[in-house]
Amino acid sequence: MTVTEDFVDDKLVLSVEGRIETNTAPEFQSAVLGAFQKCSNVVIDFEEVAYISSAGLRGLLLGHKTAQSKGGSMVLTNVNDAVMEVFKMTGFKNILTIQ
C-alpha cells in the first residue's frame, strides 16, 4: 500500500493505492492522523483501494474523530463497490462522509 499527499485548495488529498489490511493499516492510520497535523480538511481518495479490513476501519474512525475535534472534515472519494459494501455492513457508511 502507498499513500501520497497533495494539497488542493484548502484540502490535503491522500491518494491511497493497494489493500488496507492488518500489515498496512498502521501506515494508513499514521498517514491519516499525520494529514490532520498539516490541514484540518482531509480528502481520502479510495480509487485504487481494492480492500479494507477492520484494522483499516479503525484508522478511518480515528481520522473521523480527529476531524470533528479540530472542527475540520474528512471526506472519502472514489470508493468502489467492494469497499462500499464493507462500509455498509459495518455501519461506517452512516458515519463517514463519502462522495
N, C-alpha and C. Protein backbone atom coordinates (compact mmCIF):
# COMPACT_ATOMS: atom_id res chain seq x y z
N MET A 1 0.83 -1.17 0.00
CA MET A 1 0.00 0.00 0.00
C MET A 1 0.88 1.24 0.00
N THR A 2 0.47 2.24 -0.76
CA THR A 2 1.17 3.52 -0.77
C THR A 2 0.16 4.64 -0.57
N VAL A 3 0.62 5.70 0.07
CA VAL A 3 -0.21 6.89 0.29
C VAL A 3 0.60 8.09 -0.17
N THR A 4 0.00 8.89 -1.06
CA THR A 4 0.65 10.11 -1.50
C THR A 4 -0.21 11.29 -1.08
N GLU A 5 0.43 12.42 -0.82
CA GLU A 5 -0.26 13.63 -0.36
C GLU A 5 -0.17 14.71 -1.42
N ASP A 6 -1.24 15.50 -1.53
CA ASP A 6 -1.25 16.63 -2.46
C ASP A 6 -2.23 17.68 -1.93
N PHE A 7 -1.78 18.92 -1.82
CA PHE A 7 -2.68 19.99 -1.40
C PHE A 7 -3.50 20.47 -2.59
N VAL A 8 -4.82 20.52 -2.43
CA VAL A 8 -5.72 21.05 -3.44
C VAL A 8 -6.61 22.06 -2.74
N ASP A 9 -6.46 23.33 -3.12
CA ASP A 9 -7.17 24.43 -2.46
C ASP A 9 -6.87 24.38 -0.97
N ASP A 10 -7.90 24.27 -0.14
CA ASP A 10 -7.69 24.26 1.32
C ASP A 10 -7.77 22.86 1.91
N LYS A 11 -7.56 21.86 1.05
CA LYS A 11 -7.67 20.46 1.50
C LYS A 11 -6.37 19.71 1.22
N LEU A 12 -6.11 18.74 2.06
CA LEU A 12 -5.00 17.82 1.83
C LEU A 12 -5.59 16.52 1.32
N VAL A 13 -5.22 16.13 0.11
CA VAL A 13 -5.75 14.92 -0.51
C VAL A 13 -4.74 13.79 -0.32
N LEU A 14 -5.22 12.70 0.29
CA LEU A 14 -4.43 11.48 0.42
C LEU A 14 -4.91 10.51 -0.64
N SER A 15 -4.04 10.13 -1.55
CA SER A 15 -4.38 9.12 -2.56
C SER A 15 -3.79 7.80 -2.11
N VAL A 16 -4.67 6.84 -1.87
CA VAL A 16 -4.26 5.54 -1.34
C VAL A 16 -4.31 4.52 -2.46
N GLU A 17 -3.27 3.68 -2.52
CA GLU A 17 -3.22 2.64 -3.53
C GLU A 17 -2.86 1.32 -2.86
N GLY A 18 -3.67 0.29 -3.12
CA GLY A 18 -3.40 -1.04 -2.57
C GLY A 18 -4.46 -1.48 -1.57
N ARG A 19 -4.10 -2.47 -0.80
CA ARG A 19 -5.01 -3.06 0.19
C ARG A 19 -4.70 -2.50 1.57
N ILE A 20 -5.75 -2.11 2.30
CA ILE A 20 -5.58 -1.64 3.68
C ILE A 20 -5.99 -2.81 4.57
N GLU A 21 -4.99 -3.50 5.09
CA GLU A 21 -5.23 -4.71 5.88
C GLU A 21 -4.33 -4.68 7.11
N THR A 22 -4.27 -5.76 7.83
CA THR A 22 -3.55 -5.83 9.09
C THR A 22 -2.11 -5.30 8.98
N ASN A 23 -1.40 -5.69 7.93
CA ASN A 23 0.00 -5.30 7.79
C ASN A 23 0.18 -3.84 7.39
N THR A 24 -0.78 -3.28 6.65
CA THR A 24 -0.64 -1.92 6.14
C THR A 24 -1.46 -0.89 6.93
N ALA A 25 -2.37 -1.34 7.77
CA ALA A 25 -3.25 -0.43 8.50
C ALA A 25 -2.49 0.56 9.39
N PRO A 26 -1.42 0.16 10.09
CA PRO A 26 -0.70 1.15 10.90
C PRO A 26 -0.13 2.29 10.05
N GLU A 27 0.39 1.97 8.88
CA GLU A 27 0.91 3.01 7.99
C GLU A 27 -0.22 3.92 7.50
N PHE A 28 -1.37 3.32 7.17
CA PHE A 28 -2.54 4.08 6.73
C PHE A 28 -3.01 5.02 7.85
N GLN A 29 -3.15 4.48 9.04
CA GLN A 29 -3.60 5.28 10.19
C GLN A 29 -2.64 6.43 10.46
N SER A 30 -1.37 6.16 10.39
CA SER A 30 -0.36 7.18 10.59
C SER A 30 -0.47 8.29 9.54
N ALA A 31 -0.71 7.91 8.29
CA ALA A 31 -0.86 8.89 7.20
C ALA A 31 -2.09 9.76 7.43
N VAL A 32 -3.20 9.14 7.84
CA VAL A 32 -4.44 9.89 8.08
C VAL A 32 -4.26 10.87 9.24
N LEU A 33 -3.75 10.40 10.36
CA LEU A 33 -3.57 11.27 11.52
C LEU A 33 -2.51 12.34 11.25
N GLY A 34 -1.47 11.97 10.51
CA GLY A 34 -0.44 12.94 10.13
C GLY A 34 -0.99 14.04 9.23
N ALA A 35 -1.95 13.68 8.39
CA ALA A 35 -2.56 14.67 7.50
C ALA A 35 -3.26 15.76 8.30
N PHE A 36 -3.90 15.37 9.40
CA PHE A 36 -4.60 16.35 10.22
C PHE A 36 -3.65 17.27 10.99
N GLN A 37 -2.38 16.91 11.08
CA GLN A 37 -1.41 17.81 11.68
C GLN A 37 -1.02 18.91 10.70
N LYS A 38 -1.28 18.66 9.40
CA LYS A 38 -0.93 19.63 8.36
C LYS A 38 -2.12 20.46 7.89
N CYS A 39 -3.31 19.89 8.01
CA CYS A 39 -4.51 20.54 7.46
C CYS A 39 -5.74 19.99 8.18
N SER A 40 -6.74 20.83 8.42
CA SER A 40 -7.93 20.35 9.13
C SER A 40 -8.98 19.76 8.20
N ASN A 41 -8.78 19.90 6.88
CA ASN A 41 -9.71 19.33 5.90
C ASN A 41 -8.97 18.32 5.04
N VAL A 42 -9.35 17.05 5.19
CA VAL A 42 -8.64 15.97 4.51
C VAL A 42 -9.61 15.21 3.60
N VAL A 43 -9.14 14.93 2.39
CA VAL A 43 -9.87 14.10 1.44
C VAL A 43 -9.05 12.84 1.23
N ILE A 44 -9.70 11.68 1.34
CA ILE A 44 -9.00 10.41 1.11
C ILE A 44 -9.56 9.79 -0.16
N ASP A 45 -8.72 9.68 -1.17
CA ASP A 45 -9.11 9.14 -2.47
C ASP A 45 -8.92 7.62 -2.45
N PHE A 46 -10.02 6.89 -2.54
CA PHE A 46 -10.01 5.43 -2.46
C PHE A 46 -10.05 4.76 -3.83
N GLU A 47 -9.80 5.51 -4.89
CA GLU A 47 -9.93 4.96 -6.25
C GLU A 47 -9.12 3.69 -6.46
N GLU A 48 -7.93 3.63 -5.87
CA GLU A 48 -7.04 2.48 -6.08
C GLU A 48 -7.01 1.53 -4.88
N VAL A 49 -8.03 1.60 -4.02
CA VAL A 49 -8.11 0.70 -2.86
C VAL A 49 -9.08 -0.43 -3.19
N ALA A 50 -8.57 -1.64 -3.19
CA ALA A 50 -9.38 -2.80 -3.54
C ALA A 50 -10.04 -3.45 -2.32
N TYR A 51 -9.46 -3.21 -1.12
CA TYR A 51 -9.92 -3.93 0.07
C TYR A 51 -9.56 -3.13 1.30
N ILE A 52 -10.44 -3.17 2.31
CA ILE A 52 -10.13 -2.58 3.61
C ILE A 52 -10.60 -3.55 4.70
N SER A 53 -9.73 -3.80 5.67
CA SER A 53 -10.06 -4.70 6.78
C SER A 53 -10.53 -3.88 7.98
N SER A 54 -10.88 -4.57 9.04
CA SER A 54 -11.32 -3.89 10.26
C SER A 54 -10.19 -3.02 10.83
N ALA A 55 -8.96 -3.43 10.63
CA ALA A 55 -7.83 -2.62 11.10
C ALA A 55 -7.79 -1.29 10.35
N GLY A 56 -8.10 -1.31 9.07
CA GLY A 56 -8.17 -0.07 8.29
C GLY A 56 -9.33 0.80 8.70
N LEU A 57 -10.45 0.15 9.05
CA LEU A 57 -11.62 0.91 9.51
C LEU A 57 -11.30 1.70 10.78
N ARG A 58 -10.46 1.12 11.62
CA ARG A 58 -10.06 1.82 12.84
C ARG A 58 -9.36 3.12 12.50
N GLY A 59 -8.49 3.10 11.50
CA GLY A 59 -7.80 4.31 11.07
C GLY A 59 -8.77 5.37 10.57
N LEU A 60 -9.80 4.92 9.85
CA LEU A 60 -10.81 5.87 9.37
C LEU A 60 -11.61 6.46 10.52
N LEU A 61 -11.94 5.64 11.50
CA LEU A 61 -12.71 6.12 12.65
C LEU A 61 -11.89 7.15 13.44
N LEU A 62 -10.62 6.87 13.64
CA LEU A 62 -9.75 7.83 14.34
C LEU A 62 -9.63 9.12 13.54
N GLY A 63 -9.54 9.00 12.22
CA GLY A 63 -9.50 10.19 11.37
C GLY A 63 -10.77 11.00 11.48
N HIS A 64 -11.90 10.32 11.47
CA HIS A 64 -13.20 10.98 11.59
C HIS A 64 -13.30 11.74 12.91
N LYS A 65 -12.89 11.10 14.00
CA LYS A 65 -12.94 11.74 15.32
C LYS A 65 -11.97 12.91 15.41
N THR A 66 -10.81 12.76 14.78
CA THR A 66 -9.83 13.85 14.77
C THR A 66 -10.39 15.05 14.01
N ALA A 67 -11.03 14.79 12.87
CA ALA A 67 -11.62 15.88 12.08
C ALA A 67 -12.66 16.62 12.92
N GLN A 68 -13.51 15.88 13.61
CA GLN A 68 -14.53 16.51 14.44
C GLN A 68 -13.92 17.35 15.55
N SER A 69 -12.88 16.83 16.19
CA SER A 69 -12.26 17.55 17.30
C SER A 69 -11.55 18.83 16.84
N LYS A 70 -11.12 18.87 15.58
CA LYS A 70 -10.43 20.05 15.04
C LYS A 70 -11.38 20.98 14.31
N GLY A 71 -12.67 20.62 14.26
CA GLY A 71 -13.61 21.44 13.52
C GLY A 71 -13.39 21.37 12.02
N GLY A 72 -12.78 20.29 11.57
CA GLY A 72 -12.47 20.12 10.16
C GLY A 72 -13.37 19.09 9.51
N SER A 73 -12.86 18.49 8.45
CA SER A 73 -13.65 17.49 7.74
C SER A 73 -12.74 16.39 7.19
N MET A 74 -13.33 15.22 7.03
CA MET A 74 -12.68 14.10 6.35
C MET A 74 -13.69 13.53 5.36
N VAL A 75 -13.34 13.54 4.10
CA VAL A 75 -14.23 13.08 3.04
C VAL A 75 -13.53 11.97 2.27
N LEU A 76 -14.27 10.89 2.02
CA LEU A 76 -13.77 9.79 1.19
C LEU A 76 -14.34 9.93 -0.21
N THR A 77 -13.51 9.75 -1.22
CA THR A 77 -13.96 9.84 -2.61
C THR A 77 -13.58 8.58 -3.37
N ASN A 78 -14.29 8.34 -4.46
CA ASN A 78 -13.98 7.25 -5.40
C ASN A 78 -13.95 5.88 -4.73
N VAL A 79 -14.91 5.63 -3.85
CA VAL A 79 -14.98 4.34 -3.16
C VAL A 79 -15.64 3.32 -4.08
N ASN A 80 -14.96 2.20 -4.32
CA ASN A 80 -15.52 1.18 -5.21
C ASN A 80 -16.58 0.35 -4.50
N ASP A 81 -17.27 -0.48 -5.25
CA ASP A 81 -18.40 -1.24 -4.71
C ASP A 81 -17.99 -2.20 -3.59
N ALA A 82 -16.83 -2.85 -3.74
CA ALA A 82 -16.40 -3.83 -2.73
C ALA A 82 -16.13 -3.14 -1.39
N VAL A 83 -15.45 -2.02 -1.42
CA VAL A 83 -15.15 -1.29 -0.19
C VAL A 83 -16.43 -0.68 0.36
N MET A 84 -17.30 -0.18 -0.50
CA MET A 84 -18.57 0.39 -0.05
C MET A 84 -19.41 -0.66 0.65
N GLU A 85 -19.35 -1.89 0.18
CA GLU A 85 -20.09 -2.98 0.83
C GLU A 85 -19.59 -3.19 2.26
N VAL A 86 -18.29 -3.09 2.47
CA VAL A 86 -17.73 -3.20 3.83
C VAL A 86 -18.26 -2.04 4.69
N PHE A 87 -18.28 -0.84 4.12
CA PHE A 87 -18.80 0.32 4.86
C PHE A 87 -20.26 0.13 5.21
N LYS A 88 -21.05 -0.43 4.31
CA LYS A 88 -22.47 -0.66 4.58
C LYS A 88 -22.66 -1.70 5.67
N MET A 89 -21.93 -2.82 5.58
CA MET A 89 -22.08 -3.91 6.55
C MET A 89 -21.67 -3.50 7.96
N THR A 90 -20.69 -2.61 8.05
CA THR A 90 -20.18 -2.21 9.36
C THR A 90 -20.86 -0.96 9.91
N GLY A 91 -21.69 -0.31 9.11
CA GLY A 91 -22.34 0.91 9.54
C GLY A 91 -21.49 2.16 9.30
N PHE A 92 -20.30 2.00 8.75
CA PHE A 92 -19.42 3.13 8.50
C PHE A 92 -19.99 4.05 7.43
N LYS A 93 -20.85 3.52 6.57
CA LYS A 93 -21.47 4.35 5.53
C LYS A 93 -22.29 5.46 6.17
N ASN A 94 -22.84 5.19 7.34
CA ASN A 94 -23.65 6.18 8.04
C ASN A 94 -22.82 7.14 8.91
N ILE A 95 -21.57 6.79 9.14
CA ILE A 95 -20.70 7.60 10.00
C ILE A 95 -19.82 8.53 9.17
N LEU A 96 -19.22 7.98 8.11
CA LEU A 96 -18.25 8.72 7.30
C LEU A 96 -18.94 9.56 6.23
N THR A 97 -18.25 10.59 5.77
CA THR A 97 -18.72 11.39 4.65
C THR A 97 -18.10 10.81 3.39
N ILE A 98 -18.94 10.25 2.52
CA ILE A 98 -18.49 9.57 1.32
C ILE A 98 -19.11 10.26 0.11
N GLN A 99 -18.27 10.67 -0.81
CA GLN A 99 -18.77 11.30 -2.04
C GLN A 99 -18.44 10.44 -3.24
